[in-house]
C-alpha atoms as a PDB file:
ATOM      1  CA  MET A   1     -11.994 -26.377  27.201  1.00  0.00           C
ATOM      2  CA  LEU A   2      -9.738 -24.065  28.067  1.00  0.00           C
ATOM      3  CA  ARG A   3      -6.902 -26.899  27.329  1.00  0.00           C
ATOM      4  CA  TRP A   4      -8.441 -27.572  23.611  1.00  0.00           C
ATOM      5  CA  LEU A   5      -8.744 -23.454  23.092  1.00  0.00           C
ATOM      6  CA  ILE A   6      -5.120 -23.335  23.597  1.00  0.00           C
ATOM      7  CA  ALA A   7      -4.308 -26.987  21.435  1.00  0.00           C
ATOM      8  CA  ILE A   8      -6.225 -25.962  18.785  1.00  0.00           C
ATOM      9  CA  LEU A   9      -4.497 -22.003  18.981  1.00  0.00           C
ATOM     10  CA  PHE A  10      -0.768 -24.413  19.041  1.00  0.00           C
ATOM     11  CA  PHE A  11      -1.406 -26.094  15.887  1.00  0.00           C
ATOM     12  CA  ALA A  12      -3.020 -23.540  14.638  1.00  0.00           C
ATOM     13  CA  ASN A  13       0.153 -21.492  14.732  1.00  0.00           C
ATOM     14  CA  LEU A  14       2.376 -24.394  13.988  1.00  0.00           C
ATOM     15  CA  LEU A  15       0.651 -24.535  10.525  1.00  0.00           C
ATOM     16  CA  ALA A  16       1.180 -20.748   9.649  1.00  0.00           C
ATOM     17  CA  PHE A  17       4.817 -21.203  10.414  1.00  0.00           C
ATOM     18  CA  VAL A  18       5.114 -24.298   8.163  1.00  0.00           C
ATOM     19  CA  ALA A  19       2.620 -22.556   5.434  1.00  0.00           C
ATOM     20  CA  VAL A  20       5.217 -19.412   5.982  1.00  0.00           C
ATOM     21  CA  ARG A  21       8.353 -21.357   5.167  1.00  0.00           C
ATOM     22  CA  GLY A  22       7.328 -22.983   1.743  1.00  0.00           C
ATOM     23  CA  VAL A  23       6.413 -26.222   2.943  1.00  0.00           C
ATOM     24  CA  PHE A  24       2.829 -26.195   0.724  1.00  0.00           C
ATOM     25  CA  GLY A  25       4.797 -24.164  -2.270  1.00  0.00           C
ATOM     26  CA  PRO A  26       6.595 -20.872  -2.981  1.00  0.00           C
ATOM     27  CA  THR A  27       4.558 -17.813  -2.096  1.00  0.00           C
ATOM     28  CA  PRO A  28       2.408 -15.924  -4.842  1.00  0.00           C
ATOM     29  CA  THR A  29       5.042 -12.691  -4.093  1.00  0.00           C
ATOM     30  CA  ALA A  30       8.131 -15.240  -4.537  1.00  0.00           C
ATOM     31  CA  GLY A  31       8.435 -14.942  -7.728  1.00  0.00           C
ATOM     32  CA  GLY A  32       7.727 -12.687 -10.804  1.00  0.00           C
ATOM     33  CA  ARG A  33       4.075 -13.437 -12.352  1.00  0.00           C
ATOM     34  CA  GLU A  34       5.291 -11.822 -15.512  1.00  0.00           C
ATOM     35  CA  PRO A  35       8.982 -12.792 -16.161  1.00  0.00           C
ATOM     36  CA  ASN A  36       7.739 -11.102 -19.985  1.00  0.00           C
ATOM     37  CA  HIS A  37       5.847  -8.650 -18.495  1.00  0.00           C
ATOM     38  CA  LEU A  38       8.752  -5.769 -19.876  1.00  0.00           C
ATOM     39  CA  ASN A  39       9.516  -7.667 -23.134  1.00  0.00           C
ATOM     40  CA  ARG A  40       5.494  -7.455 -24.170  1.00  0.00           C
ATOM     41  CA  GLN A  41       5.806  -3.708 -23.855  1.00  0.00           C
ATOM     42  CA  ILE A  42       4.635  -1.987 -27.293  1.00  0.00           C
ATOM     43  CA  HIS A  43       7.240   1.423 -28.093  1.00  0.00           C
ATOM     44  CA  PRO A  44       8.580   1.912 -23.831  1.00  0.00           C
ATOM     45  CA  GLU A  45      10.638   4.450 -25.521  1.00  0.00           C
ATOM     46  CA  TRP A  46       7.617   6.449 -26.511  1.00  0.00           C
ATOM     47  CA  LEU A  47       7.051   7.122 -23.409  1.00  0.00           C
ATOM     48  CA  LYS A  48       8.162  10.890 -22.094  1.00  0.00           C
ATOM     49  CA  VAL A  49       8.257  12.695 -18.515  1.00  0.00           C
ATOM     50  CA  GLN A  50       6.990  16.160 -18.451  1.00  0.00           C
ATOM     51  CA  PRO A  51       7.058  18.651 -16.011  1.00  0.00           C
ATOM     52  CA  VAL A  52       4.282  19.815 -14.565  1.00  0.00           C
ATOM     53  CA  THR A  53       3.781  23.558 -15.677  1.00  0.00           C
ATOM     54  CA  ALA A  54       2.179  26.752 -13.134  1.00  0.00           C
ATOM     55  CA  SER A  55      -1.122  26.881 -14.346  1.00  0.00           C
ATOM     56  CA  GLU A  56      -1.533  22.512 -13.986  1.00  0.00           C
ATOM     57  CA  ALA A  57      -0.151  22.897 -10.801  1.00  0.00           C
ATOM     58  CA  ALA A  58      -2.372  25.139  -9.165  1.00  0.00           C
ATOM     59  CA  ASP A  59      -5.229  23.223  -8.585  1.00  0.00           C
ATOM     60  CA  GLN A  60      -2.498  20.420  -6.724  1.00  0.00           C
ATOM     61  CA  ALA A  61      -2.414  20.170  -2.613  1.00  0.00           C
ATOM     62  CA  VAL A  62       0.503  21.223  -1.363  1.00  0.00           C
ATOM     63  CA  VAL A  63       2.187  18.027   0.607  1.00  0.00           C
ATOM     64  CA  GLY A  64       3.631  19.391   3.956  1.00  0.00           C
ATOM     65  CA  ALA A  65       2.158  23.088   3.861  1.00  0.00           C
ATOM     66  CA  PRO A  66       0.291  24.018   7.354  1.00  0.00           C
ATOM     67  CA  THR A  67      -3.648  23.649   6.604  1.00  0.00           C
ATOM     68  CA  PRO A  68      -4.915  27.636   6.041  1.00  0.00           C
ATOM     69  CA  SER A  69      -6.914  28.619   9.327  1.00  0.00           C
ATOM     70  CA  VAL A  70     -10.493  29.537   8.311  1.00  0.00           C
ATOM     71  CA  PRO A  71     -11.707  32.530  10.019  1.00  0.00           C
ATOM     72  CA  ILE A  72     -14.181  31.615  12.527  1.00  0.00           C
ATOM     73  CA  ALA A  73     -16.452  34.119  14.186  1.00  0.00           C
ATOM     74  CA  ALA A  74     -17.109  33.376  18.323  1.00  0.00           C
ATOM     75  CA  SER A  75     -18.779  35.190  20.528  1.00  0.00           C
ATOM     76  CA  ALA A  76     -18.482  35.055  25.085  1.00  0.00           C
ATOM     77  CA  LEU A  77     -19.871  32.506  26.598  1.00  0.00           C
ATOM     78  CA  GLN A  78     -22.452  34.118  29.125  1.00  0.00           C
END
């Protein structure tokens, strides 16, 4: 029983290795799926980057800042 399990796992690994090497064709991430994507953009020069103002940044989370401590009322154990 264990021999069959080992044989099946060996062949599954062999099949995965062969698939990764490209025997069944290129992987989906091998090439661009939309090579003409940039050519089909409509007026890409109209895009503008604007800085965030202080009023807009007020509700944004500050990354890397320490978390605010919440005051917790505690009493001594008896």
